[in-house]
Amino acid sequence: MSVLMVNETVDFNTLKELLNLSDGNLASHIKALEELKYIIVTKQFIGKKPNTTYGASKEGTKAFHAHLKSLENLIKGNR
C-alpha cells in the first residue's frame, strides 16, 4: 500500500521489482487488498501484451492512514 500511496498507479512488474516479491507472493497480496476493496485494478492491453495496473482506492487510502495512526500511537505508547 505504501507504494500505491505515493504513485497514482503502478503496474504488476514494477511492484514485483520494488518489493522484491515472486509473482505468486505478489498476486496473493494483491488478491487480499482487492477483496478488501483497498485497491483499484485496471486491466488493459498495450499492443498485444496484457498490462495490469493498481491504484489505491478511497477505502484503501483511509485504511492506510488509520494504520499509520495506529503505528504512531503504538510508538508513543498511547495504544
PDB file of N, CA and C in Angstrom:
ATOM      1  N   MET A   1       0.821  -1.195   0.000  1.00  0.00           N
ATOM      2  CA  MET A   1       0.000   0.000   0.000  1.00  0.00           C
ATOM      3  C   MET A   1       0.864   1.257   0.000  1.00  0.00           C
ATOM      4  N   SER A   2       2.005   1.196   0.665  1.00  0.00           N
ATOM      5  CA  SER A   2       2.837   2.405   0.722  1.00  0.00           C
ATOM      6  C   SER A   2       3.295   2.830  -0.669  1.00  0.00           C
ATOM      7  N   VAL A   3       3.574   1.877  -1.553  1.00  0.00           N
ATOM      8  CA  VAL A   3       3.959   2.214  -2.935  1.00  0.00           C
ATOM      9  C   VAL A   3       2.794   2.896  -3.633  1.00  0.00           C
ATOM     10  N   LEU A   4       1.588   2.397  -3.408  1.00  0.00           N
ATOM     11  CA  LEU A   4       0.414   2.969  -4.064  1.00  0.00           C
ATOM     12  C   LEU A   4       0.035   4.330  -3.483  1.00  0.00           C
ATOM     13  N   MET A   5       0.471   4.616  -2.299  1.00  0.00           N
ATOM     14  CA  MET A   5       0.162   5.911  -1.692  1.00  0.00           C
ATOM     15  C   MET A   5       0.982   7.039  -2.314  1.00  0.00           C
ATOM     16  N   VAL A   6       2.126   6.714  -2.884  1.00  0.00           N
ATOM     17  CA  VAL A   6       2.985   7.753  -3.471  1.00  0.00           C
ATOM     18  C   VAL A   6       3.021   7.701  -4.994  1.00  0.00           C
ATOM     19  N   ASN A   7       2.283   6.780  -5.586  1.00  0.00           N
ATOM     20  CA  ASN A   7       2.165   6.670  -7.037  1.00  0.00           C
ATOM     21  C   ASN A   7       0.690   6.542  -7.390  1.00  0.00           C
ATOM     22  N   GLU A   8       0.254   7.263  -8.391  1.00  0.00           N
ATOM     23  CA  GLU A   8      -1.157   7.192  -8.784  1.00  0.00           C
ATOM     24  C   GLU A   8      -1.530   5.769  -9.184  1.00  0.00           C
ATOM     25  N   THR A   9      -0.708   5.166 -10.035  1.00  0.00           N
ATOM     26  CA  THR A   9      -0.874   3.759 -10.412  1.00  0.00           C
ATOM     27  C   THR A   9       0.492   3.128 -10.575  1.00  0.00           C
ATOM     28  N   VAL A  10       0.534   1.806 -10.392  1.00  0.00           N
ATOM     29  CA  VAL A  10       1.774   1.040 -10.556  1.00  0.00           C
ATOM     30  C   VAL A  10       1.412  -0.285 -11.213  1.00  0.00           C
ATOM     31  N   ASP A  11       2.236  -0.704 -12.182  1.00  0.00           N
ATOM     32  CA  ASP A  11       1.948  -1.986 -12.838  1.00  0.00           C
ATOM     33  C   ASP A  11       2.552  -3.146 -12.049  1.00  0.00           C
ATOM     34  N   PHE A  12       2.093  -4.346 -12.383  1.00  0.00           N
ATOM     35  CA  PHE A  12       2.473  -5.558 -11.656  1.00  0.00           C
ATOM     36  C   PHE A  12       3.988  -5.736 -11.600  1.00  0.00           C
ATOM     37  N   ASN A  13       4.653  -5.628 -12.750  1.00  0.00           N
ATOM     38  CA  ASN A  13       6.097  -5.868 -12.787  1.00  0.00           C
ATOM     39  C   ASN A  13       6.878  -4.847 -11.959  1.00  0.00           C
ATOM     40  N   THR A  14       6.435  -3.602 -11.977  1.00  0.00           N
ATOM     41  CA  THR A  14       7.101  -2.579 -11.171  1.00  0.00           C
ATOM     42  C   THR A  14       6.950  -2.883  -9.687  1.00  0.00           C
ATOM     43  N   LEU A  15       5.732  -3.252  -9.283  1.00  0.00           N
ATOM     44  CA  LEU A  15       5.521  -3.635  -7.875  1.00  0.00           C
ATOM     45  C   LEU A  15       6.390  -4.822  -7.493  1.00  0.00           C
ATOM     46  N   LYS A  16       6.436  -5.802  -8.368  1.00  0.00           N
ATOM     47  CA  LYS A  16       7.222  -7.010  -8.100  1.00  0.00           C
ATOM     48  C   LYS A  16       8.693  -6.652  -7.890  1.00  0.00           C
ATOM     49  N   GLU A  17       9.228  -5.787  -8.742  1.00  0.00           N
ATOM     50  CA  GLU A  17      10.637  -5.394  -8.627  1.00  0.00           C
ATOM     51  C   GLU A  17      10.876  -4.539  -7.376  1.00  0.00           C
ATOM     52  N   LEU A  18      10.014  -3.559  -7.143  1.00  0.00           N
ATOM     53  CA  LEU A  18      10.186  -2.674  -5.985  1.00  0.00           C
ATOM     54  C   LEU A  18      10.138  -3.430  -4.664  1.00  0.00           C
ATOM     55  N   LEU A  19       9.224  -4.408  -4.593  1.00  0.00           N
ATOM     56  CA  LEU A  19       9.009  -5.133  -3.346  1.00  0.00           C
ATOM     57  C   LEU A  19       9.816  -6.421  -3.249  1.00  0.00           C
ATOM     58  N   ASN A  20      10.504  -6.769  -4.352  1.00  0.00           N
ATOM     59  CA  ASN A  20      11.332  -7.969  -4.398  1.00  0.00           C
ATOM     60  C   ASN A  20      10.516  -9.215  -4.025  1.00  0.00           C
ATOM     61  N   LEU A  21       9.362  -9.369  -4.701  1.00  0.00           N
ATOM     62  CA  LEU A  21       8.472 -10.496  -4.447  1.00  0.00           C
ATOM     63  C   LEU A  21       8.361 -11.388  -5.675  1.00  0.00           C
ATOM     64  N   SER A  22       7.998 -12.633  -5.451  1.00  0.00           N
ATOM     65  CA  SER A  22       7.712 -13.533  -6.566  1.00  0.00           C
ATOM     66  C   SER A  22       6.335 -13.187  -7.135  1.00  0.00           C
ATOM     67  N   ASP A  23       6.052 -13.673  -8.338  1.00  0.00           N
ATOM     68  CA  ASP A  23       4.736 -13.440  -8.950  1.00  0.00           C
ATOM     69  C   ASP A  23       3.622 -13.934  -8.035  1.00  0.00           C
ATOM     70  N   GLY A  24       3.768 -15.152  -7.526  1.00  0.00           N
ATOM     71  CA  GLY A  24       2.734 -15.748  -6.689  1.00  0.00           C
ATOM     72  C   GLY A  24       2.524 -15.008  -5.388  1.00  0.00           C
ATOM     73  N   ASN A  25       3.626 -14.587  -4.758  1.00  0.00           N
ATOM     74  CA  ASN A  25       3.526 -13.875  -3.495  1.00  0.00           C
ATOM     75  C   ASN A  25       2.831 -12.538  -3.695  1.00  0.00           C
ATOM     76  N   LEU A  26       3.227 -11.806  -4.730  1.00  0.00           N
ATOM     77  CA  LEU A  26       2.597 -10.521  -5.009  1.00  0.00           C
ATOM     78  C   LEU A  26       1.122 -10.703  -5.356  1.00  0.00           C
ATOM     79  N   ALA A  27       0.817 -11.720  -6.149  1.00  0.00           N
ATOM     80  CA  ALA A  27      -0.573 -11.993  -6.531  1.00  0.00           C
ATOM     81  C   ALA A  27      -1.431 -12.250  -5.295  1.00  0.00           C
ATOM     82  N   SER A  28      -0.889 -12.947  -4.307  1.00  0.00           N
ATOM     83  CA  SER A  28      -1.628 -13.211  -3.068  1.00  0.00           C
ATOM     84  C   SER A  28      -1.924 -11.924  -2.311  1.00  0.00           C
ATOM     85  N   HIS A  29      -0.934 -11.057  -2.215  1.00  0.00           N
ATOM     86  CA  HIS A  29      -1.129  -9.781  -1.531  1.00  0.00           C
ATOM     87  C   HIS A  29      -2.150  -8.921  -2.269  1.00  0.00           C
ATOM     88  N   ILE A  30      -2.031  -8.887  -3.589  1.00  0.00           N
ATOM     89  CA  ILE A  30      -2.963  -8.099  -4.399  1.00  0.00           C
ATOM     90  C   ILE A  30      -4.385  -8.622  -4.235  1.00  0.00           C
ATOM     91  N   LYS A  31      -4.544  -9.933  -4.234  1.00  0.00           N
ATOM     92  CA  LYS A  31      -5.871 -10.524  -4.075  1.00  0.00           C
ATOM     93  C   LYS A  31      -6.491 -10.105  -2.747  1.00  0.00           C
ATOM     94  N   ALA A  32      -5.707 -10.144  -1.673  1.00  0.00           N
ATOM     95  CA  ALA A  32      -6.206  -9.754  -0.356  1.00  0.00           C
ATOM     96  C   ALA A  32      -6.616  -8.283  -0.338  1.00  0.00           C
ATOM     97  N   LEU A  33      -5.789  -7.416  -0.924  1.00  0.00           N
ATOM     98  CA  LEU A  33      -6.110  -5.990  -0.960  1.00  0.00           C
ATOM     99  C   LEU A  33      -7.332  -5.718  -1.832  1.00  0.00           C
ATOM    100  N   GLU A  34      -7.462  -6.468  -2.906  1.00  0.00           N
ATOM    101  CA  GLU A  34      -8.613  -6.309  -3.796  1.00  0.00           C
ATOM    102  C   GLU A  34      -9.906  -6.752  -3.101  1.00  0.00           C
ATOM    103  N   GLU A  35      -9.855  -7.847  -2.362  1.00  0.00           N
ATOM    104  CA  GLU A  35     -11.028  -8.331  -1.639  1.00  0.00           C
ATOM    105  C   GLU A  35     -11.506  -7.327  -0.591  1.00  0.00           C
ATOM    106  N   LEU A  36     -10.560  -6.599   0.004  1.00  0.00           N
ATOM    107  CA  LEU A  36     -10.899  -5.565   0.981  1.00  0.00           C
ATOM    108  C   LEU A  36     -11.320  -4.252   0.322  1.00  0.00           C
ATOM    109  N   LYS A  37     -11.229  -4.222  -1.008  1.00  0.00           N
ATOM    110  CA  LYS A  37     -11.543  -3.023  -1.799  1.00  0.00           C
ATOM    111  C   LYS A  37     -10.581  -1.874  -1.476  1.00  0.00           C
ATOM    112  N   TYR A  38      -9.339  -2.222  -1.156  1.00  0.00           N
ATOM    113  CA  TYR A  38      -8.323  -1.227  -0.853  1.00  0.00           C
ATOM    114  C   TYR A  38      -7.590  -0.756  -2.105  1.00  0.00           C
ATOM    115  N   ILE A  39      -7.720  -1.507  -3.193  1.00  0.00           N
ATOM    116  CA  ILE A  39      -7.043  -1.135  -4.435  1.00  0.00           C
ATOM    117  C   ILE A  39      -8.022  -1.172  -5.602  1.00  0.00           C
ATOM    118  N   ILE A  40      -7.668  -0.417  -6.633  1.00  0.00           N
ATOM    119  CA  ILE A  40      -8.408  -0.416  -7.887  1.00  0.00           C
ATOM    120  C   ILE A  40      -7.516  -1.106  -8.913  1.00  0.00           C
ATOM    121  N   VAL A  41      -8.048  -2.128  -9.569  1.00  0.00           N
ATOM    122  CA  VAL A  41      -7.299  -2.906 -10.547  1.00  0.00           C
ATOM    123  C   VAL A  41      -7.805  -2.541 -11.932  1.00  0.00           C
ATOM    124  N   THR A  42      -6.873  -2.184 -12.826  1.00  0.00           N
ATOM    125  CA  THR A  42      -7.215  -1.845 -14.200  1.00  0.00           C
ATOM    126  C   THR A  42      -6.438  -2.764 -15.126  1.00  0.00           C
ATOM    127  N   LYS A  43      -7.165  -3.515 -15.951  1.00  0.00           N
ATOM    128  CA  LYS A  43      -6.539  -4.433 -16.905  1.00  0.00           C
ATOM    129  C   LYS A  43      -6.750  -3.902 -18.314  1.00  0.00           C
ATOM    130  N   GLN A  44      -5.671  -3.903 -19.090  1.00  0.00           N
ATOM    131  CA  GLN A  44      -5.740  -3.427 -20.465  1.00  0.00           C
ATOM    132  C   GLN A  44      -4.667  -4.115 -21.290  1.00  0.00           C
ATOM    133  N   PHE A  45      -4.697  -3.896 -22.572  1.00  0.00           N
ATOM    134  CA  PHE A  45      -3.650  -4.392 -23.457  1.00  0.00           C
ATOM    135  C   PHE A  45      -2.873  -3.207 -23.990  1.00  0.00           C
ATOM    136  N   ILE A  46      -1.558  -3.337 -23.982  1.00  0.00           N
ATOM    137  CA  ILE A  46      -0.682  -2.363 -24.624  1.00  0.00           C
ATOM    138  C   ILE A  46      -0.066  -3.108 -25.793  1.00  0.00           C
ATOM    139  N   GLY A  47      -0.528  -2.759 -26.989  1.00  0.00           N
ATOM    140  CA  GLY A  47      -0.192  -3.583 -28.148  1.00  0.00           C
ATOM    141  C   GLY A  47      -0.887  -4.916 -27.965  1.00  0.00           C
ATOM    142  N   LYS A  48      -0.118  -5.983 -27.979  1.00  0.00           N
ATOM    143  CA  LYS A  48      -0.685  -7.311 -27.771  1.00  0.00           C
ATOM    144  C   LYS A  48      -0.371  -7.869 -26.388  1.00  0.00           C
ATOM    145  N   LYS A  49       0.261  -7.042 -25.555  1.00  0.00           N
ATOM    146  CA  LYS A  49       0.646  -7.505 -24.217  1.00  0.00           C
ATOM    147  C   LYS A  49      -0.360  -7.042 -23.167  1.00  0.00           C
ATOM    148  N   PRO A  50      -0.758  -7.966 -22.279  1.00  0.00           N
ATOM    149  CA  PRO A  50      -1.645  -7.552 -21.184  1.00  0.00           C
ATOM    150  C   PRO A  50      -0.877  -6.679 -20.188  1.00  0.00           C
ATOM    151  N   ASN A  51      -1.568  -5.686 -19.641  1.00  0.00           N
ATOM    152  CA  ASN A  51      -0.958  -4.798 -18.661  1.00  0.00           C
ATOM    153  C   ASN A  51      -1.982  -4.554 -17.561  1.00  0.00           C
ATOM    154  N   THR A  52      -1.593  -4.820 -16.326  1.00  0.00           N
ATOM    155  CA  THR A  52      -2.465  -4.613 -15.179  1.00  0.00           C
ATOM    156  C   THR A  52      -1.831  -3.567 -14.279  1.00  0.00           C
ATOM    157  N   THR A  53      -2.618  -2.560 -13.944  1.00  0.00           N
ATOM    158  CA  THR A  53      -2.129  -1.525 -13.037  1.00  0.00           C
ATOM    159  C   THR A  53      -3.004  -1.493 -11.799  1.00  0.00           C
ATOM    160  N   TYR A  54      -2.424  -0.980 -10.732  1.00  0.00           N
ATOM    161  CA  TYR A  54      -3.080  -0.926  -9.436  1.00  0.00           C
ATOM    162  C   TYR A  54      -2.977   0.480  -8.871  1.00  0.00           C
ATOM    163  N   GLY A  55      -4.024   0.901  -8.200  1.00  0.00           N
ATOM    164  CA  GLY A  55      -4.042   2.188  -7.527  1.00  0.00           C
ATOM    165  C   GLY A  55      -4.781   2.047  -6.213  1.00  0.00           C
ATOM    166  N   ALA A  56      -4.526   2.951  -5.301  1.00  0.00           N
ATOM    167  CA  ALA A  56      -5.203   2.927  -4.004  1.00  0.00           C
ATOM    168  C   ALA A  56      -6.620   3.478  -4.161  1.00  0.00           C
ATOM    169  N   SER A  57      -7.585   2.794  -3.577  1.00  0.00           N
ATOM    170  CA  SER A  57      -8.964   3.276  -3.571  1.00  0.00           C
ATOM    171  C   SER A  57      -9.140   4.248  -2.406  1.00  0.00           C
ATOM    172  N   LYS A  58     -10.286   4.898  -2.334  1.00  0.00           N
ATOM    173  CA  LYS A  58     -10.568   5.784  -1.194  1.00  0.00           C
ATOM    174  C   LYS A  58     -10.558   4.991   0.106  1.00  0.00           C
ATOM    175  N   GLU A  59     -11.147   3.777   0.059  1.00  0.00           N
ATOM    176  CA  GLU A  59     -11.163   2.920   1.253  1.00  0.00           C
ATOM    177  C   GLU A  59      -9.743   2.535   1.650  1.00  0.00           C
ATOM    178  N   GLY A  60      -8.915   2.223   0.660  1.00  0.00           N
ATOM    179  CA  GLY A  60      -7.538   1.834   0.917  1.00  0.00           C
ATOM    180  C   GLY A  60      -6.721   2.972   1.504  1.00  0.00           C
ATOM    181  N   THR A  61      -6.922   4.161   0.966  1.00  0.00           N
ATOM    182  CA  THR A  61      -6.220   5.336   1.471  1.00  0.00           C
ATOM    183  C   THR A  61      -6.610   5.605   2.920  1.00  0.00           C
ATOM    184  N   LYS A  62      -7.901   5.511   3.199  1.00  0.00           N
ATOM    185  CA  LYS A  62      -8.394   5.729   4.565  1.00  0.00           C
ATOM    186  C   LYS A  62      -7.814   4.687   5.520  1.00  0.00           C
ATOM    187  N   ALA A  63      -7.811   3.423   5.105  1.00  0.00           N
ATOM    188  CA  ALA A  63      -7.277   2.346   5.939  1.00  0.00           C
ATOM    189  C   ALA A  63      -5.775   2.513   6.160  1.00  0.00           C
ATOM    190  N   PHE A  64      -5.057   2.953   5.130  1.00  0.00           N
ATOM    191  CA  PHE A  64      -3.614   3.147   5.255  1.00  0.00           C
ATOM    192  C   PHE A  64      -3.314   4.243   6.275  1.00  0.00           C
ATOM    193  N   HIS A  65      -4.047   5.343   6.196  1.00  0.00           N
ATOM    194  CA  HIS A  65      -3.826   6.437   7.156  1.00  0.00           C
ATOM    195  C   HIS A  65      -4.187   5.998   8.576  1.00  0.00           C
ATOM    196  N   ALA A  66      -5.231   5.210   8.721  1.00  0.00           N
ATOM    197  CA  ALA A  66      -5.595   4.685  10.044  1.00  0.00           C
ATOM    198  C   ALA A  66      -4.492   3.770  10.573  1.00  0.00           C
ATOM    199  N   HIS A  67      -3.905   2.972   9.690  1.00  0.00           N
ATOM    200  CA  HIS A  67      -2.810   2.080  10.080  1.00  0.00           C
ATOM    201  C   HIS A  67      -1.604   2.901  10.554  1.00  0.00           C
ATOM    202  N   LEU A  68      -1.266   3.948   9.806  1.00  0.00           N
ATOM    203  CA  LEU A  68      -0.150   4.803  10.218  1.00  0.00           C
ATOM    204  C   LEU A  68      -0.416   5.454  11.573  1.00  0.00           C
ATOM    205  N   LYS A  69      -1.650   5.881  11.790  1.00  0.00           N
ATOM    206  CA  LYS A  69      -2.011   6.492  13.078  1.00  0.00           C
ATOM    207  C   LYS A  69      -1.863   5.470  14.209  1.00  0.00           C
ATOM    208  N   SER A  70      -2.277   4.235  13.955  1.00  0.00           N
ATOM    209  CA  SER A  70      -2.130   3.178  14.958  1.00  0.00           C
ATOM    210  C   SER A  70      -0.666   2.914  15.277  1.00  0.00           C
ATOM    211  N   LEU A  71       0.162   2.888  14.251  1.00  0.00           N
ATOM    212  CA  LEU A  71       1.608   2.697  14.465  1.00  0.00           C
ATOM    213  C   LEU A  71       2.200   3.849  15.264  1.00  0.00           C
ATOM    214  N   GLU A  72       1.774   5.053  14.937  1.00  0.00           N
ATOM    215  CA  GLU A  72       2.246   6.235  15.661  1.00  0.00           C
ATOM    216  C   GLU A  72       1.853   6.154  17.131  1.00  0.00           C
ATOM    217  N   ASN A  73       0.620   5.757  17.402  1.00  0.00           N
ATOM    218  CA  ASN A  73       0.160   5.608  18.792  1.00  0.00           C
ATOM    219  C   ASN A  73       0.932   4.518  19.515  1.00  0.00           C
ATOM    220  N   LEU A  74       1.218   3.435  18.823  1.00  0.00           N
ATOM    221  CA  LEU A  74       1.988   2.344  19.410  1.00  0.00           C
ATOM    222  C   LEU A  74       3.390   2.819  19.802  1.00  0.00           C
ATOM    223  N   ILE A  75       4.015   3.569  18.898  1.00  0.00           N
ATOM    224  CA  ILE A  75       5.354   4.074  19.176  1.00  0.00           C
ATOM    225  C   ILE A  75       5.339   5.037  20.357  1.00  0.00           C
ATOM    226  N   LYS A  76       4.305   5.861  20.424  1.00  0.00           N
ATOM    227  CA  LYS A  76       4.193   6.829  21.519  1.00  0.00           C
ATOM    228  C   LYS A  76       3.706   6.187  22.818  1.00  0.00           C
ATOM    229  N   GLY A  77       3.255   4.935  22.731  1.00  0.00           N
ATOM    230  CA  GLY A  77       2.752   4.248  23.916  1.00  0.00           C
ATOM    231  C   GLY A  77       1.329   4.630  24.274  1.00  0.00           C
ATOM    232  N   ASN A  78       0.573   5.163  23.280  1.00  0.00           N
ATOM    233  CA  ASN A  78      -0.799   5.606  23.531  1.00  0.00           C
ATOM    234  C   ASN A  78      -1.849   4.555  23.261  1.00  0.00           C
ATOM    235  N   ARG A  79      -1.492   3.470  22.706  1.00  0.00           N
ATOM    236  CA  ARG A  79      -2.406   2.395  22.326  1.00  0.00           C
ATOM    237  C   ARG A  79      -3.668   2.973  21.865  1.00  0.00           C
TER     238      ARG A  79
END
